[in-house]
């Protein structure tokens, strides 16, 4: 399939696919007309990458995970669970830091409002 069809199926812009291809996260072949050609495996691969991004994984994290997966198209279930648990811990730390920052801002507002 051509890049436009792939983009439509994934619900992303063609520029996103080109960007991910430039990052080495998906491969295409070239038709004699120079158009990019993607197979069904590229669709599944990009679907995984986009889902991982939506869960907060960076492209570097996704790339490392795929390298560690070796020739397999997908991570094993226990590998995915391990990575998701680590991401959950990162999110919890971020939430705690954000709550602490919020408390500081609230205190500063109260302090400034109490001034004459």
N, C-alpha and C. Protein backbone atom coordinates (compact mmCIF):
# COMPACT_ATOMS: atom_id res chain seq x y z
N UNK A 1 0.84 -1.18 0.00
CA UNK A 1 0.00 0.00 0.00
C UNK A 1 0.89 1.23 0.00
N UNK A 2 0.36 2.31 -0.54
CA UNK A 2 1.11 3.56 -0.57
C UNK A 2 0.93 4.31 0.75
N UNK A 3 1.76 5.31 0.95
CA UNK A 3 1.81 6.01 2.22
C UNK A 3 0.48 6.66 2.59
N UNK A 4 -0.25 7.18 1.61
CA UNK A 4 -1.54 7.80 1.88
C UNK A 4 -2.55 6.83 2.45
N UNK A 5 -2.59 5.63 1.88
CA UNK A 5 -3.50 4.60 2.37
C UNK A 5 -3.11 4.17 3.78
N UNK A 6 -1.80 3.99 4.00
CA UNK A 6 -1.32 3.61 5.32
C UNK A 6 -1.68 4.69 6.35
N UNK A 7 -1.46 5.94 5.99
CA UNK A 7 -1.78 7.05 6.89
C UNK A 7 -3.27 7.07 7.22
N UNK A 8 -4.11 6.86 6.22
CA UNK A 8 -5.56 6.84 6.45
C UNK A 8 -5.95 5.71 7.38
N UNK A 9 -5.39 4.55 7.17
CA UNK A 9 -5.72 3.40 8.02
C UNK A 9 -5.29 3.62 9.46
N UNK A 10 -4.17 4.33 9.64
CA UNK A 10 -3.67 4.58 10.99
C UNK A 10 -4.24 5.85 11.61
N UNK A 11 -4.82 6.70 10.80
CA UNK A 11 -5.37 7.95 11.30
C UNK A 11 -4.29 8.98 11.63
N UNK A 12 -3.21 8.97 10.86
CA UNK A 12 -2.12 9.93 11.07
C UNK A 12 -1.78 10.61 9.75
N UNK A 13 -1.00 11.67 9.84
CA UNK A 13 -0.55 12.37 8.64
C UNK A 13 0.58 11.57 7.98
N UNK A 14 0.71 11.72 6.68
CA UNK A 14 1.80 11.05 5.97
C UNK A 14 3.16 11.52 6.49
N UNK A 15 3.22 12.77 6.94
CA UNK A 15 4.49 13.29 7.48
C UNK A 15 4.92 12.52 8.72
N UNK A 16 3.95 12.05 9.51
CA UNK A 16 4.26 11.25 10.71
C UNK A 16 4.92 9.94 10.29
N UNK A 17 4.41 9.33 9.25
CA UNK A 17 4.98 8.07 8.77
C UNK A 17 6.38 8.31 8.23
N UNK A 18 6.57 9.37 7.46
CA UNK A 18 7.90 9.69 6.95
C UNK A 18 8.88 9.93 8.11
N UNK A 19 8.41 10.65 9.13
CA UNK A 19 9.24 10.93 10.30
C UNK A 19 9.64 9.63 11.00
N UNK A 20 8.68 8.73 11.22
CA UNK A 20 8.97 7.46 11.89
C UNK A 20 9.89 6.60 11.03
N UNK A 21 9.74 6.70 9.73
CA UNK A 21 10.63 5.96 8.83
C UNK A 21 12.05 6.52 8.92
N UNK A 22 12.17 7.84 8.97
CA UNK A 22 13.49 8.47 9.11
C UNK A 22 14.16 8.08 10.42
N UNK A 23 13.35 7.83 11.45
CA UNK A 23 13.86 7.40 12.76
C UNK A 23 14.19 5.91 12.78
N UNK A 24 13.88 5.21 11.70
CA UNK A 24 14.19 3.78 11.62
C UNK A 24 13.14 2.89 12.26
N UNK A 25 11.95 3.43 12.52
CA UNK A 25 10.92 2.65 13.19
C UNK A 25 9.99 1.91 12.24
N UNK A 26 10.13 2.17 10.96
CA UNK A 26 9.36 1.44 9.95
C UNK A 26 10.16 1.49 8.64
N UNK A 27 9.95 0.47 7.83
CA UNK A 27 10.65 0.42 6.54
C UNK A 27 9.65 0.35 5.40
N UNK A 28 10.06 0.88 4.29
CA UNK A 28 9.26 0.78 3.08
C UNK A 28 10.17 0.31 1.95
N UNK A 29 9.53 -0.09 0.89
CA UNK A 29 10.27 -0.35 -0.34
C UNK A 29 9.88 0.76 -1.30
N UNK A 30 10.64 0.89 -2.38
CA UNK A 30 10.33 1.93 -3.36
C UNK A 30 9.84 1.28 -4.64
N UNK A 31 8.75 1.80 -5.14
CA UNK A 31 8.25 1.36 -6.44
C UNK A 31 9.14 1.98 -7.51
N UNK A 32 9.07 1.46 -8.73
CA UNK A 32 9.83 2.09 -9.82
C UNK A 32 9.47 3.57 -9.98
N UNK A 33 8.25 3.93 -9.61
CA UNK A 33 7.81 5.32 -9.70
C UNK A 33 8.35 6.17 -8.55
N UNK A 34 9.16 5.55 -7.67
CA UNK A 34 9.77 6.21 -6.50
C UNK A 34 8.82 6.37 -5.32
N UNK A 35 7.57 5.95 -5.46
CA UNK A 35 6.64 6.02 -4.34
C UNK A 35 7.00 4.96 -3.30
N UNK A 36 6.77 5.32 -2.05
CA UNK A 36 6.99 4.35 -0.97
C UNK A 36 5.89 3.29 -1.02
N UNK A 37 6.26 2.07 -0.72
CA UNK A 37 5.33 0.95 -0.68
C UNK A 37 5.46 0.27 0.69
N UNK A 38 4.33 0.06 1.35
CA UNK A 38 4.31 -0.56 2.67
C UNK A 38 3.48 -1.82 2.62
N UNK A 39 3.91 -2.84 3.37
CA UNK A 39 3.13 -4.06 3.43
C UNK A 39 2.30 -4.08 4.71
N UNK A 40 1.53 -5.12 4.89
CA UNK A 40 0.66 -5.24 6.07
C UNK A 40 1.49 -5.27 7.36
N UNK A 41 2.69 -5.83 7.28
CA UNK A 41 3.57 -5.85 8.45
C UNK A 41 3.94 -4.44 8.91
N UNK A 42 4.11 -3.53 7.95
CA UNK A 42 4.42 -2.14 8.30
C UNK A 42 3.23 -1.51 9.03
N UNK A 43 2.03 -1.84 8.59
CA UNK A 43 0.83 -1.33 9.27
C UNK A 43 0.82 -1.81 10.72
N UNK A 44 1.00 -3.10 10.93
CA UNK A 44 0.98 -3.67 12.29
C UNK A 44 2.09 -3.08 13.14
N UNK A 45 3.25 -2.92 12.55
CA UNK A 45 4.41 -2.37 13.26
C UNK A 45 4.13 -0.92 13.69
N UNK A 46 3.62 -0.12 12.77
CA UNK A 46 3.31 1.27 13.08
C UNK A 46 2.17 1.37 14.09
N UNK A 47 1.23 0.48 14.00
CA UNK A 47 0.13 0.46 14.97
C UNK A 47 0.69 0.25 16.38
N UNK A 48 1.66 -0.65 16.52
CA UNK A 48 2.32 -0.90 17.80
C UNK A 48 3.07 0.36 18.26
N UNK A 49 3.83 0.97 17.36
CA UNK A 49 4.60 2.17 17.70
C UNK A 49 3.68 3.28 18.16
N UNK A 50 2.60 3.52 17.45
CA UNK A 50 1.66 4.58 17.80
C UNK A 50 0.96 4.30 19.12
N UNK A 51 0.63 3.04 19.36
CA UNK A 51 0.00 2.69 20.63
C UNK A 51 0.98 2.91 21.78
N UNK A 52 2.23 2.52 21.59
CA UNK A 52 3.24 2.72 22.62
C UNK A 52 3.42 4.22 22.90
N UNK A 53 3.44 5.03 21.85
CA UNK A 53 3.54 6.48 22.03
C UNK A 53 2.35 7.00 22.82
N UNK A 54 1.17 6.50 22.53
CA UNK A 54 -0.03 6.98 23.22
C UNK A 54 -0.01 6.60 24.71
N UNK A 55 0.79 5.61 25.06
CA UNK A 55 0.93 5.19 26.46
C UNK A 55 2.08 5.91 27.16
N UNK A 56 2.70 6.85 26.46
CA UNK A 56 3.73 7.67 27.09
C UNK A 56 5.16 7.25 26.81
N UNK A 57 5.36 6.24 25.98
CA UNK A 57 6.72 5.82 25.65
C UNK A 57 7.31 6.76 24.62
N UNK A 58 8.58 7.08 24.79
CA UNK A 58 9.27 7.93 23.82
C UNK A 58 9.70 7.08 22.63
N UNK A 59 10.04 7.75 21.54
CA UNK A 59 10.51 7.01 20.37
C UNK A 59 11.80 6.27 20.67
N UNK A 60 12.66 6.85 21.50
CA UNK A 60 13.90 6.16 21.88
C UNK A 60 13.58 4.90 22.67
N UNK A 61 12.62 4.98 23.60
CA UNK A 61 12.23 3.79 24.38
C UNK A 61 11.64 2.73 23.46
N UNK A 62 10.82 3.14 22.53
CA UNK A 62 10.20 2.19 21.59
C UNK A 62 11.27 1.55 20.73
N UNK A 63 12.19 2.35 20.24
CA UNK A 63 13.26 1.84 19.40
C UNK A 63 14.11 0.82 20.15
N UNK A 64 14.49 1.15 21.39
CA UNK A 64 15.28 0.20 22.20
C UNK A 64 14.53 -1.10 22.42
N UNK A 65 13.23 -0.99 22.71
CA UNK A 65 12.43 -2.19 22.95
C UNK A 65 12.39 -3.07 21.71
N UNK A 66 12.27 -2.45 20.55
CA UNK A 66 12.21 -3.22 19.31
C UNK A 66 13.56 -3.86 19.00
N UNK A 67 14.64 -3.17 19.31
CA UNK A 67 15.98 -3.75 19.12
C UNK A 67 16.14 -4.96 20.04
N UNK A 68 15.71 -4.81 21.28
CA UNK A 68 15.81 -5.92 22.24
C UNK A 68 14.93 -7.10 21.83
N UNK A 69 13.84 -6.82 21.12
CA UNK A 69 12.96 -7.89 20.67
C UNK A 69 13.61 -8.72 19.57
N UNK A 70 14.68 -8.19 19.00
CA UNK A 70 15.39 -8.92 17.96
C UNK A 70 14.55 -9.02 16.69
N UNK A 71 14.53 -10.18 16.10
CA UNK A 71 13.82 -10.37 14.85
C UNK A 71 12.31 -10.49 15.00
N UNK A 72 11.85 -10.61 16.25
CA UNK A 72 10.41 -10.73 16.44
C UNK A 72 9.73 -9.40 16.11
N UNK A 73 8.52 -9.50 15.62
CA UNK A 73 7.78 -8.29 15.26
C UNK A 73 7.22 -7.59 16.49
N UNK A 74 6.97 -8.34 17.53
CA UNK A 74 6.36 -7.81 18.75
C UNK A 74 7.17 -8.24 19.96
N UNK A 75 6.99 -7.49 21.03
CA UNK A 75 7.60 -7.88 22.30
C UNK A 75 6.79 -9.03 22.89
N UNK A 76 7.45 -9.85 23.67
CA UNK A 76 6.73 -10.90 24.38
C UNK A 76 5.89 -10.25 25.47
N UNK A 77 4.83 -10.93 25.84
CA UNK A 77 3.88 -10.38 26.81
C UNK A 77 4.57 -9.97 28.11
N UNK A 78 5.45 -10.82 28.65
CA UNK A 78 6.10 -10.48 29.92
C UNK A 78 7.02 -9.27 29.77
N UNK A 79 7.61 -9.09 28.58
CA UNK A 79 8.44 -7.91 28.34
C UNK A 79 7.58 -6.65 28.30
N UNK A 80 6.42 -6.76 27.67
CA UNK A 80 5.51 -5.61 27.62
C UNK A 80 5.02 -5.25 29.02
N UNK A 81 4.66 -6.24 29.80
CA UNK A 81 4.19 -5.99 31.16
C UNK A 81 5.29 -5.32 31.98
N UNK A 82 6.51 -5.78 31.85
CA UNK A 82 7.62 -5.19 32.59
C UNK A 82 7.81 -3.73 32.20
N UNK A 83 7.78 -3.44 30.93
CA UNK A 83 7.94 -2.07 30.46
C UNK A 83 6.76 -1.18 30.88
N UNK A 84 5.57 -1.73 30.83
CA UNK A 84 4.40 -0.96 31.25
C UNK A 84 4.44 -0.67 32.75
N UNK A 85 4.89 -1.61 33.54
CA UNK A 85 5.03 -1.37 34.98
C UNK A 85 6.06 -0.29 35.26
N UNK A 86 7.16 -0.30 34.52
CA UNK A 86 8.18 0.74 34.69
C UNK A 86 7.61 2.10 34.29
N UNK A 87 6.83 2.14 33.21
CA UNK A 87 6.21 3.39 32.77
C UNK A 87 5.22 3.88 33.83
N UNK A 88 4.47 2.96 34.42
CA UNK A 88 3.52 3.32 35.46
C UNK A 88 4.24 3.94 36.66
N UNK A 89 5.39 3.39 37.03
CA UNK A 89 6.19 3.97 38.12
C UNK A 89 6.64 5.39 37.76
N UNK A 90 7.07 5.60 36.53
CA UNK A 90 7.47 6.95 36.08
C UNK A 90 6.29 7.92 36.17
N UNK A 91 5.13 7.46 35.78
CA UNK A 91 3.94 8.31 35.83
C UNK A 91 3.60 8.66 37.28
N UNK A 92 3.68 7.68 38.16
CA UNK A 92 3.41 7.93 39.58
C UNK A 92 4.37 8.96 40.17
N UNK A 93 5.64 8.87 39.80
CA UNK A 93 6.62 9.86 40.26
C UNK A 93 6.26 11.23 39.72
N UNK A 94 5.91 11.29 38.47
CA UNK A 94 5.53 12.57 37.85
C UNK A 94 4.30 13.17 38.54
N UNK A 95 3.32 12.34 38.84
CA UNK A 95 2.11 12.80 39.52
C UNK A 95 2.48 13.37 40.90
N UNK A 96 3.33 12.66 41.63
CA UNK A 96 3.75 13.13 42.95
C UNK A 96 4.48 14.46 42.85
N UNK A 97 5.35 14.59 41.86
CA UNK A 97 6.08 15.84 41.68
C UNK A 97 5.12 16.98 41.30
N UNK A 98 4.16 16.68 40.47
CA UNK A 98 3.20 17.69 40.05
C UNK A 98 2.31 18.11 41.22
N UNK A 99 1.91 17.17 42.05
CA UNK A 99 1.11 17.51 43.23
C UNK A 99 1.92 18.39 44.19
N UNK A 100 3.20 18.06 44.38
CA UNK A 100 4.05 18.88 45.25
C UNK A 100 4.19 20.29 44.68
N UNK A 101 4.37 20.40 43.39
CA UNK A 101 4.46 21.71 42.76
C UNK A 101 3.15 22.48 42.93
N UNK A 102 2.03 21.80 42.78
CA UNK A 102 0.73 22.44 42.96
C UNK A 102 0.60 23.00 44.37
N UNK A 103 1.00 22.21 45.36
CA UNK A 103 0.94 22.69 46.76
C UNK A 103 1.79 23.95 46.94
N UNK A 104 2.97 23.96 46.34
CA UNK A 104 3.83 25.15 46.43
C UNK A 104 3.18 26.36 45.79
N UNK A 105 2.56 26.17 44.64
CA UNK A 105 1.90 27.28 43.95
C UNK A 105 0.73 27.79 44.80
N UNK A 106 -0.07 26.89 45.36
CA UNK A 106 -1.19 27.29 46.21
C UNK A 106 -0.69 28.09 47.40
N UNK A 107 0.40 27.63 48.02
CA UNK A 107 0.97 28.36 49.17
C UNK A 107 1.45 29.75 48.75
N UNK A 108 2.07 29.85 47.59
CA UNK A 108 2.55 31.14 47.11
C UNK A 108 1.38 32.09 46.84
N UNK A 109 0.32 31.58 46.25
CA UNK A 109 -0.86 32.40 46.02
C UNK A 109 -1.41 32.90 47.35
N UNK A 110 -1.55 32.00 48.31
CA UNK A 110 -2.07 32.39 49.63
C UNK A 110 -1.16 33.43 50.27
N UNK A 111 0.14 33.23 50.16
CA UNK A 111 1.10 34.18 50.72
C UNK A 111 0.94 35.55 50.08
N UNK A 112 0.86 35.58 48.76
CA UNK A 112 0.76 36.86 48.05
C UNK A 112 -0.59 37.54 48.31
N UNK A 113 -1.65 36.75 48.41
CA UNK A 113 -2.96 37.33 48.69
C UNK A 113 -3.07 37.89 50.10
N UNK A 114 -2.26 37.39 51.01
CA UNK A 114 -2.33 37.85 52.39
C UNK A 114 -1.54 39.15 52.60
N UNK A 115 -0.80 39.55 51.63
CA UNK A 115 0.00 40.76 51.74
C UNK A 115 -0.89 41.99 51.51
N UNK A 116 -0.55 43.08 52.19
CA UNK A 116 -1.36 44.31 52.02
C UNK A 116 -1.17 44.93 50.66
